[in-house]
Amino acid sequence: MQHVKKDWSFSMAEQAAANTTPRANAPASGANRSRGGRRDDRRNQGPVEPKQFEELVINIDRVARVVKGGRRFRFKALVVVGDRKNKVGVGVSKGADVQAAISKATDVAKKNLITIPITNATIPHDAEVKLSGARVLIKPAAPGTGIIAGGVVRQIIGVTGINNMLSKSLGSTNKVNIAYATIEALKSMVPRDQWLNAKPKKVKKEEA
């Protein structure tokens, strides 16, 4: 049997040509290369816009309704929405699941937004509102005091631009009634420029 000796030696020019010649099955470079790894391409995504309103879930209850076949359970959500400035709203709604209840309550809160007159990061004057069985008292506070409130009132004030305030919740402990009473108290606020510059009524002098 005759052995044939193969010549494996290549010239420098042939090696350079072999390195520069693209392979048939090699992936194309640049834009034509198939992207691997993450498919969402987060690098090319634009900046995410911040939310205009901050949503906070205050309470979630499971409620039952008695029907012919038994009990039908649903969920009731209490949500407060605010822009950390001077707008705030409260919404209550029911849904078949927790997420649906929160979504509906958020929409209700956004439809019932109120504007609060804020002066020096506090409310202009004190107010006391009684709604159903709940009574809520709110008072302005000096700078550096913070929000002295508890429970539902503190959560509602937390999504507004008020930084200093005193509060006391009296009467009922129902969170829904306290939330609506707090909103009514904030709604009753009168801007300071409307009651400080009010001209007193002239009293006619009685003729002797």
Protein backbone atom coordinates (compact mmCIF):
# COMPACT_ATOMS: atom_id res chain seq x y z
CA MET A 1 0.00 0.00 0.00
CA GLN A 2 1.41 3.32 -1.02
CA HIS A 3 1.23 6.18 1.48
CA VAL A 4 0.67 9.66 0.11
CA LYS A 5 2.25 12.44 2.12
CA LYS A 6 0.04 15.49 2.40
CA ASP A 7 1.49 18.96 2.40
CA TRP A 8 -0.08 20.92 5.30
CA SER A 9 2.06 23.97 4.85
CA PHE A 10 0.33 27.22 3.81
CA SER A 11 1.80 30.48 2.78
CA MET A 12 1.16 33.64 4.80
CA ALA A 13 -1.06 35.07 2.03
CA GLU A 14 -3.22 31.96 1.98
CA GLN A 15 -3.67 32.07 5.78
CA ALA A 16 -4.72 35.76 5.68
CA ALA A 17 -7.21 35.05 2.90
CA ALA A 18 -8.65 32.14 4.88
CA ASN A 19 -9.10 34.31 7.99
CA THR A 20 -10.83 37.14 6.14
CA THR A 21 -13.16 34.94 4.09
CA PRO A 22 -16.55 34.69 5.85
CA ARG A 23 -17.86 31.26 6.63
CA ALA A 24 -21.00 30.05 4.98
CA ASN A 25 -22.75 29.17 8.25
CA ALA A 26 -21.33 32.00 10.34
CA PRO A 27 -23.84 34.53 11.69
CA ALA A 28 -23.71 37.99 10.18
CA SER A 29 -22.25 40.77 12.29
CA GLY A 30 -23.96 44.01 13.24
CA ALA A 31 -27.68 44.48 12.76
CA ASN A 32 -28.20 41.15 10.98
CA ARG A 33 -26.87 39.10 13.88
CA SER A 34 -29.58 37.28 15.75
CA ARG A 35 -29.96 38.73 19.26
CA GLY A 36 -29.47 36.35 22.11
CA GLY A 37 -30.13 36.57 25.83
CA ARG A 38 -32.87 38.99 26.85
CA ARG A 39 -35.65 39.50 24.37
CA ASP A 40 -37.09 42.71 25.86
CA ASP A 41 -34.12 44.84 24.70
CA ARG A 42 -34.11 47.06 27.77
CA ARG A 43 -31.21 49.16 26.56
CA ASN A 44 -33.25 50.67 23.74
CA GLN A 45 -36.28 51.41 25.90
CA GLY A 46 -36.97 55.03 26.71
CA PRO A 47 -37.13 56.41 30.27
CA VAL A 48 -40.20 55.33 32.23
CA GLU A 49 -42.46 58.26 33.02
CA PRO A 50 -43.25 58.67 36.73
CA LYS A 51 -46.82 58.17 37.83
CA GLN A 52 -48.85 61.30 38.29
CA PHE A 53 -50.70 59.93 41.31
CA GLU A 54 -49.56 57.73 44.16
CA GLU A 55 -51.93 54.89 45.01
CA LEU A 56 -52.16 53.46 48.52
CA VAL A 57 -54.39 50.59 49.62
CA ILE A 58 -55.76 51.37 53.09
CA ASN A 59 -57.89 48.31 53.75
CA ILE A 60 -59.26 45.17 52.08
CA ASP A 61 -62.27 43.32 53.46
CA ARG A 62 -63.99 40.14 52.39
CA VAL A 63 -67.73 40.59 52.23
CA ALA A 64 -70.41 37.96 51.77
CA ARG A 65 -73.86 38.12 50.25
CA VAL A 66 -76.41 35.44 51.02
CA VAL A 67 -78.09 34.07 47.90
CA LYS A 68 -80.32 31.11 47.21
CA GLY A 69 -77.44 28.68 46.71
CA GLY A 70 -75.44 29.85 49.71
CA ARG A 71 -72.98 32.70 50.23
CA ARG A 72 -71.25 34.66 47.53
CA PHE A 73 -67.93 36.12 48.66
CA ARG A 74 -66.41 39.27 47.21
CA PHE A 75 -63.66 41.71 48.19
CA LYS A 76 -64.04 45.38 49.13
CA ALA A 77 -61.03 47.69 48.77
CA LEU A 78 -60.45 51.15 50.27
CA VAL A 79 -57.87 53.11 48.25
CA VAL A 80 -56.49 56.65 48.56
CA VAL A 81 -54.90 58.48 45.62
CA GLY A 82 -52.76 61.62 45.84
CA ASP A 83 -50.19 63.57 43.87
CA ARG A 84 -48.01 64.58 46.85
CA LYS A 85 -49.05 68.17 46.26
CA ASN A 86 -52.60 69.40 46.81
CA LYS A 87 -54.87 66.74 45.31
CA VAL A 88 -56.25 63.69 47.09
CA GLY A 89 -59.18 61.32 46.66
CA VAL A 90 -60.64 58.24 48.32
CA GLY A 91 -62.49 55.40 46.62
CA VAL A 92 -64.29 52.25 47.75
CA SER A 93 -65.32 49.44 45.43
CA LYS A 94 -65.99 45.71 45.33
CA GLY A 95 -64.68 43.04 43.01
CA ALA A 96 -64.58 39.31 42.45
CA ASP A 97 -60.89 39.27 43.40
CA VAL A 98 -58.53 41.59 45.25
CA GLN A 99 -56.89 43.03 42.12
CA ALA A 100 -60.23 43.88 40.52
CA ALA A 101 -61.45 45.55 43.70
CA ILE A 102 -58.28 47.67 43.97
CA SER A 103 -58.47 48.68 40.31
CA LYS A 104 -62.11 49.76 40.60
CA ALA A 105 -61.50 51.63 43.84
CA THR A 106 -58.55 53.46 42.27
CA ASP A 107 -60.71 54.62 39.37
CA VAL A 108 -63.37 55.85 41.81
CA ALA A 109 -60.74 57.76 43.81
CA LYS A 110 -59.34 59.46 40.70
CA LYS A 111 -62.83 60.60 39.69
CA ASN A 112 -63.44 62.19 43.11
CA LEU A 113 -60.25 64.19 43.60
CA ILE A 114 -60.34 67.32 45.75
CA THR A 115 -57.90 70.24 45.93
CA ILE A 116 -56.50 71.20 49.33
CA PRO A 117 -55.35 74.77 50.07
CA ILE A 118 -51.91 74.26 51.62
CA THR A 119 -50.07 77.09 53.38
CA ASN A 120 -46.48 76.60 54.61
CA ALA A 121 -46.81 72.80 54.29
CA THR A 122 -49.84 72.73 56.59
CA ILE A 123 -53.58 73.39 56.47
CA PRO A 124 -54.83 76.98 56.84
CA HIS A 125 -57.14 76.37 59.83
CA ASP A 126 -58.64 73.66 61.99
CA ALA A 127 -61.80 71.73 61.18
CA GLU A 128 -63.98 69.08 62.77
CA VAL A 129 -66.32 66.94 60.69
CA LYS A 130 -68.82 64.30 61.79
CA LEU A 131 -69.82 61.78 59.14
CA SER A 132 -72.06 58.91 60.12
CA GLY A 133 -70.48 57.60 63.35
CA ALA A 134 -66.98 58.98 62.73
CA ARG A 135 -65.64 62.34 63.90
CA VAL A 136 -62.31 63.69 62.67
CA LEU A 137 -60.52 66.75 64.04
CA ILE A 138 -57.59 68.28 62.13
CA LYS A 139 -55.45 71.27 63.15
CA PRO A 140 -52.53 73.13 61.59
CA ALA A 141 -49.09 72.71 63.12
CA ALA A 142 -45.80 74.62 63.23
CA PRO A 143 -42.93 73.69 60.90
CA GLY A 144 -41.03 70.65 62.13
CA THR A 145 -43.99 69.10 63.94
CA GLY A 146 -44.66 66.41 61.36
CA ILE A 147 -47.91 64.54 60.88
CA ILE A 148 -49.38 63.67 64.26
CA ALA A 149 -52.12 61.28 63.22
CA GLY A 150 -52.80 57.59 63.24
CA GLY A 151 -54.37 54.93 61.11
CA VAL A 152 -56.45 56.03 58.17
CA VAL A 153 -55.94 59.77 58.66
CA ARG A 154 -52.16 59.42 58.51
CA GLN A 155 -52.29 57.35 55.33
CA ILE A 156 -54.51 59.90 53.61
CA ILE A 157 -52.37 62.87 54.65
CA GLY A 158 -49.25 60.95 53.60
CA VAL A 159 -50.09 61.18 49.89
CA THR A 160 -50.61 64.95 50.01
CA GLY A 161 -48.16 67.82 50.32
CA ILE A 162 -49.00 68.42 53.99
CA ASN A 163 -45.95 67.90 56.21
CA ASN A 164 -47.15 69.36 59.52
CA MET A 165 -50.58 68.67 60.99
CA LEU A 166 -52.33 67.55 64.16
CA SER A 167 -55.24 65.15 64.03
CA LYS A 168 -57.55 63.18 66.29
CA SER A 169 -60.08 60.55 65.29
CA LEU A 170 -63.15 60.39 67.51
CA GLY A 171 -66.16 58.14 67.56
CA SER A 172 -66.44 55.20 65.18
CA THR A 173 -63.48 53.04 64.20
CA ASN A 174 -64.94 52.19 60.78
CA LYS A 175 -62.11 52.86 58.32
CA VAL A 176 -64.41 53.81 55.46
CA ASN A 177 -66.28 56.39 57.56
CA ILE A 178 -63.02 57.80 58.93
CA ALA A 179 -61.60 58.11 55.40
CA TYR A 180 -64.65 59.96 54.09
CA ALA A 181 -64.75 62.16 57.20
CA THR A 182 -61.11 63.10 56.63
CA ILE A 183 -61.82 63.99 53.01
CA GLU A 184 -64.79 66.13 54.07
CA ALA A 185 -62.60 67.92 56.63
CA LEU A 186 -59.96 68.64 53.98
CA LYS A 187 -62.66 69.75 51.54
CA SER A 188 -63.96 72.29 54.07
CA MET A 189 -60.60 74.11 54.12
CA VAL A 190 -60.78 77.78 53.09
CA PRO A 191 -57.61 79.42 51.66
CA ARG A 192 -56.00 81.90 53.99
CA ASP A 193 -56.17 84.78 51.51
CA GLN A 194 -59.95 84.49 51.46
CA TRP A 195 -60.49 84.98 55.19
CA LEU A 196 -57.56 87.12 56.26
CA ASN A 197 -58.23 89.92 53.80
CA ALA A 198 -61.98 89.87 54.21
CA LYS A 199 -63.27 93.36 54.84
CA PRO A 200 -65.42 93.70 57.95
CA LYS A 201 -68.95 94.84 57.48
CA LYS A 202 -69.61 98.47 58.29
CA VAL A 203 -72.00 99.06 61.12
CA LYS A 204 -74.29 101.99 60.67
CA LYS A 205 -74.24 104.44 63.54
CA GLU A 206 -77.57 104.98 65.13
CA GLU A 207 -78.67 108.55 64.96
CA ALA A 208 -79.22 110.14 68.33
